[in-house]
Full PDB file with SEQRES, HELIX, SHEET, SSBOND, CRYST1, ORIGX, SCALE, CONECT and MASTER records, all heavy atoms in Angstrom:
SEQRES   1 A   41  TRP ASN ALA ASP PRO VAL THR GLY GLY ALA PRO GLY ASP          
SEQRES   2 A   41  SER PHE GLN VAL VAL ASP ARG LEU SER ASP GLY TRP GLY          
SEQRES   3 A   41  MET GLU ALA HIS MET THR SER PRO VAL SER GLY ARG THR          
SEQRES   4 A   41  ALA THR                                                      
SHEET    1 AA1 2 ALA A  29  HIS A  30  0                                        
SHEET    2 AA1 2 THR A  39  ALA A  40 -1                                        
CRYST1    1.000    1.000    1.000  90.00  90.00  90.00 P 1           1          
ORIGX1      1.000000  0.000000  0.000000        0.00000                         
ORIGX2      0.000000  1.000000  0.000000        0.00000                         
ORIGX3      0.000000  0.000000  1.000000        0.00000                         
SCALE1      1.000000  0.000000  0.000000        0.00000                         
SCALE2      0.000000  1.000000  0.000000        0.00000                         
SCALE3      0.000000  0.000000  1.000000        0.00000                         
ATOM      1  N   TRP A   1     142.609  50.003 139.543  1.00  0.00           N  
ATOM      2  CA  TRP A   1     142.050  50.215 140.881  1.00  0.00           C  
ATOM      3  C   TRP A   1     140.543  50.309 140.717  1.00  0.00           C  
ATOM      4  O   TRP A   1     140.037  51.088 139.914  1.00  0.00           O  
ATOM      5  CB  TRP A   1     142.592  51.493 141.511  1.00  0.00           C  
ATOM      6  CG  TRP A   1     141.801  51.933 142.718  1.00  0.00           C  
ATOM      7  CD1 TRP A   1     140.928  52.984 142.794  1.00  0.00           C  
ATOM      8  CD2 TRP A   1     141.804  51.331 144.017  1.00  0.00           C  
ATOM      9  NE1 TRP A   1     140.390  53.069 144.048  1.00  0.00           N  
ATOM     10  CE2 TRP A   1     140.906  52.061 144.823  1.00  0.00           C  
ATOM     11  CE3 TRP A   1     142.461  50.244 144.574  1.00  0.00           C  
ATOM     12  CZ2 TRP A   1     140.669  51.740 146.156  1.00  0.00           C  
ATOM     13  CZ3 TRP A   1     142.217  49.922 145.901  1.00  0.00           C  
ATOM     14  CH2 TRP A   1     141.331  50.668 146.681  1.00  0.00           C  
ATOM     15  N   ASN A   2     139.829  49.492 141.465  1.00  0.00           N  
ATOM     16  CA  ASN A   2     138.378  49.466 141.410  1.00  0.00           C  
ATOM     17  C   ASN A   2     137.833  49.952 142.751  1.00  0.00           C  
ATOM     18  O   ASN A   2     137.905  49.244 143.748  1.00  0.00           O  
ATOM     19  CB  ASN A   2     137.896  48.035 141.116  1.00  0.00           C  
ATOM     20  CG  ASN A   2     136.461  48.000 140.709  1.00  0.00           C  
ATOM     21  OD1 ASN A   2     136.040  48.789 139.882  1.00  0.00           O  
ATOM     22  ND2 ASN A   2     135.706  47.086 141.287  1.00  0.00           N  
ATOM     23  N   ALA A   3     137.302  51.180 142.764  1.00  0.00           N  
ATOM     24  CA  ALA A   3     136.829  51.781 144.009  1.00  0.00           C  
ATOM     25  C   ALA A   3     135.560  51.120 144.536  1.00  0.00           C  
ATOM     26  O   ALA A   3     135.412  50.915 145.740  1.00  0.00           O  
ATOM     27  CB  ALA A   3     136.598  53.277 143.809  1.00  0.00           C  
ATOM     28  N   ASP A   4     134.635  50.805 143.644  1.00  0.00           N  
ATOM     29  CA  ASP A   4     133.344  50.237 144.037  1.00  0.00           C  
ATOM     30  C   ASP A   4     133.140  48.891 143.359  1.00  0.00           C  
ATOM     31  O   ASP A   4     133.642  48.660 142.253  1.00  0.00           O  
ATOM     32  CB  ASP A   4     132.206  51.187 143.639  1.00  0.00           C  
ATOM     33  CG  ASP A   4     132.273  52.516 144.376  1.00  0.00           C  
ATOM     34  OD1 ASP A   4     132.641  52.513 145.566  1.00  0.00           O  
ATOM     35  OD2 ASP A   4     131.971  53.556 143.764  1.00  0.00           O  
ATOM     36  N   PRO A   5     132.359  47.993 143.996  1.00  0.00           N  
ATOM     37  CA  PRO A   5     132.106  46.686 143.381  1.00  0.00           C  
ATOM     38  C   PRO A   5     131.401  46.838 142.032  1.00  0.00           C  
ATOM     39  O   PRO A   5     130.615  47.760 141.827  1.00  0.00           O  
ATOM     40  CB  PRO A   5     131.185  45.984 144.377  1.00  0.00           C  
ATOM     41  CG  PRO A   5     131.251  46.768 145.639  1.00  0.00           C  
ATOM     42  CD  PRO A   5     131.679  48.151 145.267  1.00  0.00           C  
ATOM     43  N   VAL A   6     131.709  45.930 141.133  1.00  0.00           N  
ATOM     44  CA  VAL A   6     131.044  45.879 139.833  1.00  0.00           C  
ATOM     45  C   VAL A   6     130.165  44.635 139.844  1.00  0.00           C  
ATOM     46  O   VAL A   6     130.638  43.539 140.159  1.00  0.00           O  
ATOM     47  CB  VAL A   6     132.092  45.786 138.689  1.00  0.00           C  
ATOM     48  CG1 VAL A   6     131.404  45.624 137.346  1.00  0.00           C  
ATOM     49  CG2 VAL A   6     132.999  47.002 138.703  1.00  0.00           C  
ATOM     50  N   THR A   7     128.884  44.789 139.516  1.00  0.00           N  
ATOM     51  CA  THR A   7     127.960  43.661 139.527  1.00  0.00           C  
ATOM     52  C   THR A   7     128.499  42.543 138.640  1.00  0.00           C  
ATOM     53  O   THR A   7     128.782  42.759 137.459  1.00  0.00           O  
ATOM     54  CB  THR A   7     126.567  44.103 139.029  1.00  0.00           C  
ATOM     55  OG1 THR A   7     126.118  45.177 139.840  1.00  0.00           O  
ATOM     56  CG2 THR A   7     125.585  42.951 139.095  1.00  0.00           C  
ATOM     57  N   GLY A   8     128.656  41.367 139.236  1.00  0.00           N  
ATOM     58  CA  GLY A   8     129.147  40.213 138.500  1.00  0.00           C  
ATOM     59  C   GLY A   8     130.618  40.316 138.125  1.00  0.00           C  
ATOM     60  O   GLY A   8     131.102  39.547 137.305  1.00  0.00           O  
ATOM     61  N   GLY A   9     131.339  41.263 138.737  1.00  0.00           N  
ATOM     62  CA  GLY A   9     132.741  41.452 138.355  1.00  0.00           C  
ATOM     63  C   GLY A   9     133.653  41.687 139.535  1.00  0.00           C  
ATOM     64  O   GLY A   9     133.614  40.968 140.530  1.00  0.00           O  
ATOM     65  N   ALA A  10     134.431  42.736 139.438  1.00  0.00           N  
ATOM     66  CA  ALA A  10     135.484  43.023 140.405  1.00  0.00           C  
ATOM     67  C   ALA A  10     134.928  43.526 141.737  1.00  0.00           C  
ATOM     68  O   ALA A  10     133.940  44.249 141.776  1.00  0.00           O  
ATOM     69  CB  ALA A  10     136.428  44.070 139.835  1.00  0.00           C  
ATOM     70  N   PRO A  11     135.588  43.156 142.843  1.00  0.00           N  
ATOM     71  CA  PRO A  11     135.204  43.684 144.150  1.00  0.00           C  
ATOM     72  C   PRO A  11     135.639  45.144 144.290  1.00  0.00           C  
ATOM     73  O   PRO A  11     136.500  45.624 143.552  1.00  0.00           O  
ATOM     74  CB  PRO A  11     135.970  42.790 145.131  1.00  0.00           C  
ATOM     75  CG  PRO A  11     137.142  42.281 144.359  1.00  0.00           C  
ATOM     76  CD  PRO A  11     136.709  42.222 142.923  1.00  0.00           C  
ATOM     77  N   GLY A  12     135.060  45.844 145.241  1.00  0.00           N  
ATOM     78  CA  GLY A  12     135.453  47.224 145.512  1.00  0.00           C  
ATOM     79  C   GLY A  12     136.718  47.285 146.346  1.00  0.00           C  
ATOM     80  O   GLY A  12     137.153  46.292 146.927  1.00  0.00           O  
ATOM     81  N   ASP A  13     137.308  48.488 146.391  1.00  0.00           N  
ATOM     82  CA  ASP A  13     138.549  48.720 147.144  1.00  0.00           C  
ATOM     83  C   ASP A  13     139.598  47.665 146.798  1.00  0.00           C  
ATOM     84  O   ASP A  13     140.251  47.081 147.665  1.00  0.00           O  
ATOM     85  CB  ASP A  13     138.299  48.722 148.652  1.00  0.00           C  
ATOM     86  CG  ASP A  13     137.331  49.811 149.086  1.00  0.00           C  
ATOM     87  OD1 ASP A  13     137.167  50.797 148.339  1.00  0.00           O  
ATOM     88  OD2 ASP A  13     136.727  49.677 150.161  1.00  0.00           O  
ATOM     89  N   SER A  14     139.762  47.406 145.504  1.00  0.00           N  
ATOM     90  CA  SER A  14     140.654  46.339 145.056  1.00  0.00           C  
ATOM     91  C   SER A  14     141.449  46.767 143.823  1.00  0.00           C  
ATOM     92  O   SER A  14     141.052  47.674 143.098  1.00  0.00           O  
ATOM     93  CB  SER A  14     139.850  45.083 144.736  1.00  0.00           C  
ATOM     94  OG  SER A  14     138.946  45.334 143.679  1.00  0.00           O  
ATOM     95  N   PHE A  15     142.585  46.095 143.627  1.00  0.00           N  
ATOM     96  CA  PHE A  15     143.362  46.336 142.421  1.00  0.00           C  
ATOM     97  C   PHE A  15     143.979  45.050 141.917  1.00  0.00           C  
ATOM     98  O   PHE A  15     144.163  44.090 142.663  1.00  0.00           O  
ATOM     99  CB  PHE A  15     144.418  47.425 142.620  1.00  0.00           C  
ATOM    100  CG  PHE A  15     145.489  47.119 143.648  1.00  0.00           C  
ATOM    101  CD1 PHE A  15     146.752  46.686 143.257  1.00  0.00           C  
ATOM    102  CD2 PHE A  15     145.253  47.295 145.007  1.00  0.00           C  
ATOM    103  CE1 PHE A  15     147.744  46.434 144.193  1.00  0.00           C  
ATOM    104  CE2 PHE A  15     146.238  47.044 145.944  1.00  0.00           C  
ATOM    105  CZ  PHE A  15     147.489  46.606 145.545  1.00  0.00           C  
ATOM    106  N   GLN A  16     144.274  45.032 140.623  1.00  0.00           N  
ATOM    107  CA  GLN A  16     144.923  43.898 139.995  1.00  0.00           C  
ATOM    108  C   GLN A  16     145.825  44.409 138.875  1.00  0.00           C  
ATOM    109  O   GLN A  16     145.717  45.560 138.461  1.00  0.00           O  
ATOM    110  CB  GLN A  16     143.925  42.873 139.448  1.00  0.00           C  
ATOM    111  CG  GLN A  16     143.282  43.261 138.169  1.00  0.00           C  
ATOM    112  CD  GLN A  16     142.423  42.147 137.538  1.00  0.00           C  
ATOM    113  OE1 GLN A  16     141.711  42.456 136.641  1.00  0.00           O  
ATOM    114  NE2 GLN A  16     142.459  40.916 137.986  1.00  0.00           N  
ATOM    115  N   VAL A  17     146.720  43.544 138.415  1.00  0.00           N  
ATOM    116  CA  VAL A  17     147.583  43.872 137.287  1.00  0.00           C  
ATOM    117  C   VAL A  17     147.388  42.841 136.189  1.00  0.00           C  
ATOM    118  O   VAL A  17     146.937  41.726 136.442  1.00  0.00           O  
ATOM    119  CB  VAL A  17     149.082  43.943 137.678  1.00  0.00           C  
ATOM    120  CG1 VAL A  17     149.362  45.116 138.583  1.00  0.00           C  
ATOM    121  CG2 VAL A  17     149.553  42.642 138.300  1.00  0.00           C  
ATOM    122  N   VAL A  18     147.731  43.253 134.974  1.00  0.00           N  
ATOM    123  CA  VAL A  18     147.728  42.350 133.834  1.00  0.00           C  
ATOM    124  C   VAL A  18     149.035  42.537 133.078  1.00  0.00           C  
ATOM    125  O   VAL A  18     149.508  43.657 132.917  1.00  0.00           O  
ATOM    126  CB  VAL A  18     146.515  42.577 132.896  1.00  0.00           C  
ATOM    127  CG1 VAL A  18     146.498  43.996 132.341  1.00  0.00           C  
ATOM    128  CG2 VAL A  18     146.501  41.568 131.752  1.00  0.00           C  
ATOM    129  N   ASP A  19     149.620  41.410 132.678  1.00  0.00           N  
ATOM    130  CA  ASP A  19     150.796  41.408 131.809  1.00  0.00           C  
ATOM    131  C   ASP A  19     150.286  40.989 130.433  1.00  0.00           C  
ATOM    132  O   ASP A  19     149.813  39.869 130.269  1.00  0.00           O  
ATOM    133  CB  ASP A  19     151.834  40.422 132.341  1.00  0.00           C  
ATOM    134  CG  ASP A  19     153.094  40.371 131.486  1.00  0.00           C  
ATOM    135  OD1 ASP A  19     153.223  41.164 130.534  1.00  0.00           O  
ATOM    136  OD2 ASP A  19     153.953  39.524 131.782  1.00  0.00           O  
ATOM    137  N   ARG A  20     150.378  41.879 129.445  1.00  0.00           N  
ATOM    138  CA  ARG A  20     149.819  41.634 128.121  1.00  0.00           C  
ATOM    139  C   ARG A  20     150.862  41.290 127.064  1.00  0.00           C  
ATOM    140  O   ARG A  20     150.500  40.861 125.981  1.00  0.00           O  
ATOM    141  CB  ARG A  20     149.058  42.875 127.640  1.00  0.00           C  
ATOM    142  CG  ARG A  20     147.980  43.369 128.557  1.00  0.00           C  
ATOM    143  CD  ARG A  20     146.655  42.761 128.361  1.00  0.00           C  
ATOM    144  NE  ARG A  20     146.275  42.741 126.968  1.00  0.00           N  
ATOM    145  CZ  ARG A  20     145.413  41.887 126.464  1.00  0.00           C  
ATOM    146  NH1 ARG A  20     144.845  41.012 127.237  1.00  0.00           N  
ATOM    147  NH2 ARG A  20     145.101  41.904 125.195  1.00  0.00           N  
ATOM    148  N   LEU A  21     152.133  41.512 127.360  1.00  0.00           N  
ATOM    149  CA  LEU A  21     153.162  41.404 126.338  1.00  0.00           C  
ATOM    150  C   LEU A  21     154.180  40.324 126.689  1.00  0.00           C  
ATOM    151  O   LEU A  21     154.749  40.338 127.783  1.00  0.00           O  
ATOM    152  CB  LEU A  21     153.862  42.767 126.196  1.00  0.00           C  
ATOM    153  CG  LEU A  21     154.776  42.997 125.017  1.00  0.00           C  
ATOM    154  CD1 LEU A  21     154.018  42.861 123.696  1.00  0.00           C  
ATOM    155  CD2 LEU A  21     155.376  44.400 125.106  1.00  0.00           C  
ATOM    156  N   SER A  22     154.409  39.406 125.789  1.00  0.00           N  
ATOM    157  CA  SER A  22     155.391  38.336 126.012  1.00  0.00           C  
ATOM    158  C   SER A  22     156.790  38.858 125.691  1.00  0.00           C  
ATOM    159  O   SER A  22     157.394  38.500 124.682  1.00  0.00           O  
ATOM    160  CB  SER A  22     155.061  37.129 125.127  1.00  0.00           C  
ATOM    161  OG  SER A  22     153.838  36.574 125.498  1.00  0.00           O  
ATOM    162  N   ASP A  23     157.302  39.720 126.582  1.00  0.00           N  
ATOM    163  CA  ASP A  23     158.605  40.353 126.382  1.00  0.00           C  
ATOM    164  C   ASP A  23     159.601  39.999 127.477  1.00  0.00           C  
ATOM    165  O   ASP A  23     160.691  40.549 127.536  1.00  0.00           O  
ATOM    166  CB  ASP A  23     158.446  41.875 126.297  1.00  0.00           C  
ATOM    167  CG  ASP A  23     157.798  42.466 127.540  1.00  0.00           C  
ATOM    168  OD1 ASP A  23     157.426  41.701 128.458  1.00  0.00           O  
ATOM    169  OD2 ASP A  23     157.658  43.699 127.592  1.00  0.00           O  
ATOM    170  N   GLY A  24     159.210  39.076 128.372  1.00  0.00           N  
ATOM    171  CA  GLY A  24     160.084  38.688 129.471  1.00  0.00           C  
ATOM    172  C   GLY A  24     159.925  39.551 130.710  1.00  0.00           C  
ATOM    173  O   GLY A  24     160.493  39.256 131.749  1.00  0.00           O  
ATOM    174  N   TRP A  25     159.175  40.650 130.606  1.00  0.00           N  
ATOM    175  CA  TRP A  25     158.918  41.535 131.745  1.00  0.00           C  
ATOM    176  C   TRP A  25     157.557  41.190 132.345  1.00  0.00           C  
ATOM    177  O   TRP A  25     156.634  40.833 131.624  1.00  0.00           O  
ATOM    178  CB  TRP A  25     158.898  42.995 131.302  1.00  0.00           C  
ATOM    179  CG  TRP A  25     160.237  43.529 130.902  1.00  0.00           C  
ATOM    180  CD1 TRP A  25     160.856  43.363 129.701  1.00  0.00           C  
ATOM    181  CD2 TRP A  25     161.119  44.320 131.694  1.00  0.00           C  
ATOM    182  NE1 TRP A  25     162.068  43.991 129.692  1.00  0.00           N  
ATOM    183  CE2 TRP A  25     162.260  44.592 130.915  1.00  0.00           C  
ATOM    184  CE3 TRP A  25     161.068  44.815 132.986  1.00  0.00           C  
ATOM    185  CZ2 TRP A  25     163.332  45.336 131.378  1.00  0.00           C  
ATOM    186  CZ3 TRP A  25     162.133  45.564 133.451  1.00  0.00           C  
ATOM    187  CH2 TRP A  25     163.245  45.819 132.660  1.00  0.00           C  
ATOM    188  N   GLY A  26     157.428  41.306 133.663  1.00  0.00           N  
ATOM    189  CA  GLY A  26     156.163  41.103 134.353  1.00  0.00           C  
ATOM    190  C   GLY A  26     155.666  42.419 134.919  1.00  0.00           C  
ATOM    191  O   GLY A  26     156.349  43.442 134.847  1.00  0.00           O  
ATOM    192  N   MET A  27     154.473  42.412 135.495  1.00  0.00           N  
ATOM    193  CA  MET A  27     153.864  43.604 136.084  1.00  0.00           C  
ATOM    194  C   MET A  27     153.606  43.383 137.567  1.00  0.00           C  
ATOM    195  O   MET A  27     153.221  42.280 137.981  1.00  0.00           O  
ATOM    196  CB  MET A  27     152.520  43.923 135.414  1.00  0.00           C  
ATOM    197  CG  MET A  27     152.599  44.290 133.952  1.00  0.00           C  
ATOM    198  SD  MET A  27     153.282  45.924 133.746  1.00  0.00           S  
ATOM    199  CE  MET A  27     154.557  45.575 132.565  1.00  0.00           C  
ATOM    200  N   GLU A  28     153.831  44.436 138.350  1.00  0.00           N  
ATOM    201  CA  GLU A  28     153.586  44.376 139.784  1.00  0.00           C  
ATOM    202  C   GLU A  28     153.139  45.753 140.256  1.00  0.00           C  
ATOM    203  O   GLU A  28     153.744  46.751 139.882  1.00  0.00           O  
ATOM    204  CB  GLU A  28     154.862  43.947 140.496  1.00  0.00           C  
ATOM    205  CG  GLU A  28     154.666  43.585 141.946  1.00  0.00           C  
ATOM    206  CD  GLU A  28     155.846  42.813 142.485  1.00  0.00           C  
ATOM    207  OE1 GLU A  28     156.799  43.451 142.965  1.00  0.00           O  
ATOM    208  OE2 GLU A  28     155.821  41.563 142.399  1.00  0.00           O  
ATOM    209  N   ALA A  29     152.082  45.792 141.056  1.00  0.00           N  
ATOM    210  CA  ALA A  29     151.588  47.055 141.603  1.00  0.00           C  
ATOM    211  C   ALA A  29     151.681  47.017 143.121  1.00  0.00           C  
ATOM    212  O   ALA A  29     151.441  45.977 143.747  1.00  0.00           O  
ATOM    213  CB  ALA A  29     150.144  47.301 141.176  1.00  0.00           C  
ATOM    214  N   HIS A  30     152.044  48.178 143.684  1.00  0.00           N  
ATOM    215  CA  HIS A  30     152.182  48.316 145.137  1.00  0.00           C  
ATOM    216  C   HIS A  30     151.339  49.490 145.607  1.00  0.00           C  
ATOM    217  O   HIS A  30     151.477  50.595 145.078  1.00  0.00           O  
ATOM    218  CB  HIS A  30     153.644  48.599 145.519  1.00  0.00           C  
ATOM    219  CG  HIS A  30     154.610  47.630 144.947  1.00  0.00           C  
ATOM    220  ND1 HIS A  30     154.839  46.401 145.517  1.00  0.00           N  
ATOM    221  CD2 HIS A  30     155.393  47.689 143.848  1.00  0.00           C  
ATOM    222  CE1 HIS A  30     155.732  45.758 144.784  1.00  0.00           C  
ATOM    223  NE2 HIS A  30     156.084  46.514 143.773  1.00  0.00           N  
ATOM    224  N   MET A  31     150.477  49.246 146.580  1.00  0.00           N  
ATOM    225  CA  MET A  31     149.780  50.354 147.220  1.00  0.00           C  
ATOM    226  C   MET A  31     150.767  50.989 148.188  1.00  0.00           C  
ATOM    227  O   MET A  31     151.346  50.297 149.029  1.00  0.00           O  
ATOM    228  CB  MET A  31     148.523  49.894 147.955  1.00  0.00           C  
ATOM    229  CG  MET A  31     147.780  51.039 148.634  1.00  0.00           C  
ATOM    230  SD  MET A  31     146.242  50.529 149.444  1.00  0.00           S  
ATOM    231  CE  MET A  31     145.146  50.466 148.030  1.00  0.00           C  
ATOM    232  N   THR A  32     150.973  52.290 148.063  1.00  0.00           N  
ATOM    233  CA  THR A  32     151.915  52.977 148.947  1.00  0.00           C  
ATOM    234  C   THR A  32     151.207  53.704 150.082  1.00  0.00           C  
ATOM    235  O   THR A  32     151.824  54.010 151.090  1.00  0.00           O  
ATOM    236  CB  THR A  32     152.783  53.974 148.161  1.00  0.00           C  
ATOM    237  OG1 THR A  32     151.939  54.946 147.543  1.00  0.00           O  
ATOM    238  CG2 THR A  32     153.601  53.243 147.084  1.00  0.00           C  
ATOM    239  N   SER A  33     149.904  53.990 149.902  1.00  0.00           N  
ATOM    240  CA  SER A  33     149.113  54.657 150.936  1.00  0.00           C  
ATOM    241  C   SER A  33     147.638  54.448 150.630  1.00  0.00           C  
ATOM    242  O   SER A  33     147.269  54.420 149.460  1.00  0.00           O  
ATOM    243  CB  SER A  33     149.443  56.150 150.956  1.00  0.00           C  
ATOM    244  OG  SER A  33     148.693  56.827 151.922  1.00  0.00           O  
ATOM    245  N   PRO A  34     146.777  54.277 151.599  1.00  0.00           N  
ATOM    246  CA  PRO A  34     146.960  54.393 153.033  1.00  0.00           C  
ATOM    247  C   PRO A  34     147.514  53.133 153.683  1.00  0.00           C  
ATOM    248  O   PRO A  34     147.879  53.142 154.854  1.00  0.00           O  
ATOM    249  CB  PRO A  34     145.550  54.670 153.539  1.00  0.00           C  
ATOM    250  CG  PRO A  34     144.675  53.894 152.616  1.00  0.00           C  
ATOM    251  CD  PRO A  34     145.368  54.000 151.272  1.00  0.00           C  
ATOM    252  N   VAL A  35     147.568  52.023 152.936  1.00  0.00           N  
ATOM    253  CA  VAL A  35     148.058  50.760 153.484  1.00  0.00           C  
ATOM    254  C   VAL A  35     149.242  50.322 152.635  1.00  0.00           C  
ATOM    255  O   VAL A  35     149.089  50.092 151.438  1.00  0.00           O  
ATOM    256  CB  VAL A  35     146.963  49.664 153.431  1.00  0.00           C  
ATOM    257  CG1 VAL A  35     147.485  48.362 154.005  1.00  0.00           C  
ATOM    258  CG2 VAL A  35     145.707  50.115 154.136  1.00  0.00           C  
ATOM    259  N   SER A  36     150.416  50.225 153.218  1.00  0.00           N  
ATOM    260  CA  SER A  36     151.559  49.728 152.451  1.00  0.00           C  
ATOM    261  C   SER A  36     151.600  48.211 152.559  1.00  0.00           C  
ATOM    262  O   SER A  36     151.013  47.628 153.457  1.00  0.00           O  
ATOM    263  CB  SER A  36     152.859  50.356 152.947  1.00  0.00           C  
ATOM    264  OG  SER A  36     153.083  49.996 154.293  1.00  0.00           O  
ATOM    265  N   GLY A  37     152.268  47.582 151.615  1.00  0.00           N  
ATOM    266  CA  GLY A  37     152.389  46.135 151.656  1.00  0.00           C  
ATOM    267  C   GLY A  37     151.365  45.401 150.816  1.00  0.00           C  
ATOM    268  O   GLY A  37     151.496  44.198 150.604  1.00  0.00           O  
ATOM    269  N   ARG A  38     150.350  46.102 150.321  1.00  0.00           N  
ATOM    270  CA  ARG A  38     149.382  45.455 149.432  1.00  0.00           C  
ATOM    271  C   ARG A  38     149.998  45.395 148.043  1.00  0.00           C  
ATOM    272  O   ARG A  38     150.421  46.406 147.493  1.00  0.00           O  
ATOM    273  CB  ARG A  38     148.061  46.211 149.391  1.00  0.00           C  
ATOM    274  CG  ARG A  38     147.224  46.031 150.630  1.00  0.00           C  
ATOM    275  CD  ARG A  38     145.900  46.751 150.558  1.00  0.00           C  
ATOM    276  NE  ARG A  38     145.047  46.262 149.472  1.00  0.00           N  
ATOM    277  CZ  ARG A  38     143.857  46.786 149.186  1.00  0.00           C  
ATOM    278  NH1 ARG A  38     143.381  47.811 149.876  1.00  0.00           N  
ATOM    279  NH2 ARG A  38     143.143  46.299 148.191  1.00  0.00           N  
ATOM    280  N   THR A  39     150.045  44.202 147.443  1.00  0.00           N  
ATOM    281  CA  THR A  39     150.691  43.999 146.149  1.00  0.00           C  
ATOM    282  C   THR A  39     149.842  43.086 145.275  1.00  0.00           C  
ATOM    283  O   THR A  39     149.240  42.139 145.759  1.00  0.00           O  
ATOM    284  CB  THR A  39     152.076  43.353 146.350  1.00  0.00           C  
ATOM    285  OG1 THR A  39     152.875  44.225 147.148  1.00  0.00           O  
ATOM    286  CG2 THR A  39     152.785  43.101 145.041  1.00  0.00           C  
ATOM    287  N   ALA A  40     149.827  43.393 143.986  1.00  0.00           N  
ATOM    288  CA  ALA A  40     149.264  42.498 142.970  1.00  0.00           C  
ATOM    289  C   ALA A  40     150.391  42.246 141.978  1.00  0.00           C  
ATOM    290  O   ALA A  40     151.068  43.186 141.565  1.00  0.00           O  
ATOM    291  CB  ALA A  40     148.067  43.146 142.283  1.00  0.00           C  
ATOM    292  N   THR A  41     150.594  40.986 141.587  1.00  0.00           N  
ATOM    293  CA  THR A  41     151.753  40.676 140.749  1.00  0.00           C  
ATOM    294  C   THR A  41     151.460  39.566 139.749  1.00  0.00           C  
ATOM    295  O   THR A  41     150.579  38.737 139.969  1.00  0.00           O  
ATOM    296  CB  THR A  41     152.963  40.277 141.625  1.00  0.00           C  
ATOM    297  OG1 THR A  41     154.112  40.112 140.800  1.00  0.00           O  
ATOM    298  CG2 THR A  41     152.702  39.019 142.420  1.00  0.00           C  
TER     299      THR A  41                                                      
MASTER        0    0    0    0    2    0    0    6  298    1    0    4          
END                                                                             
């Protein structure tokens, strides 16, 4: 979760996920509050 913009990088009020392991599992994040339905996968 990145609260504030990073110069030359990530935007503020944003989130992302990373899958680092080749194990057949993926990663998914869900914002539950204040806004539901926001997903990174």
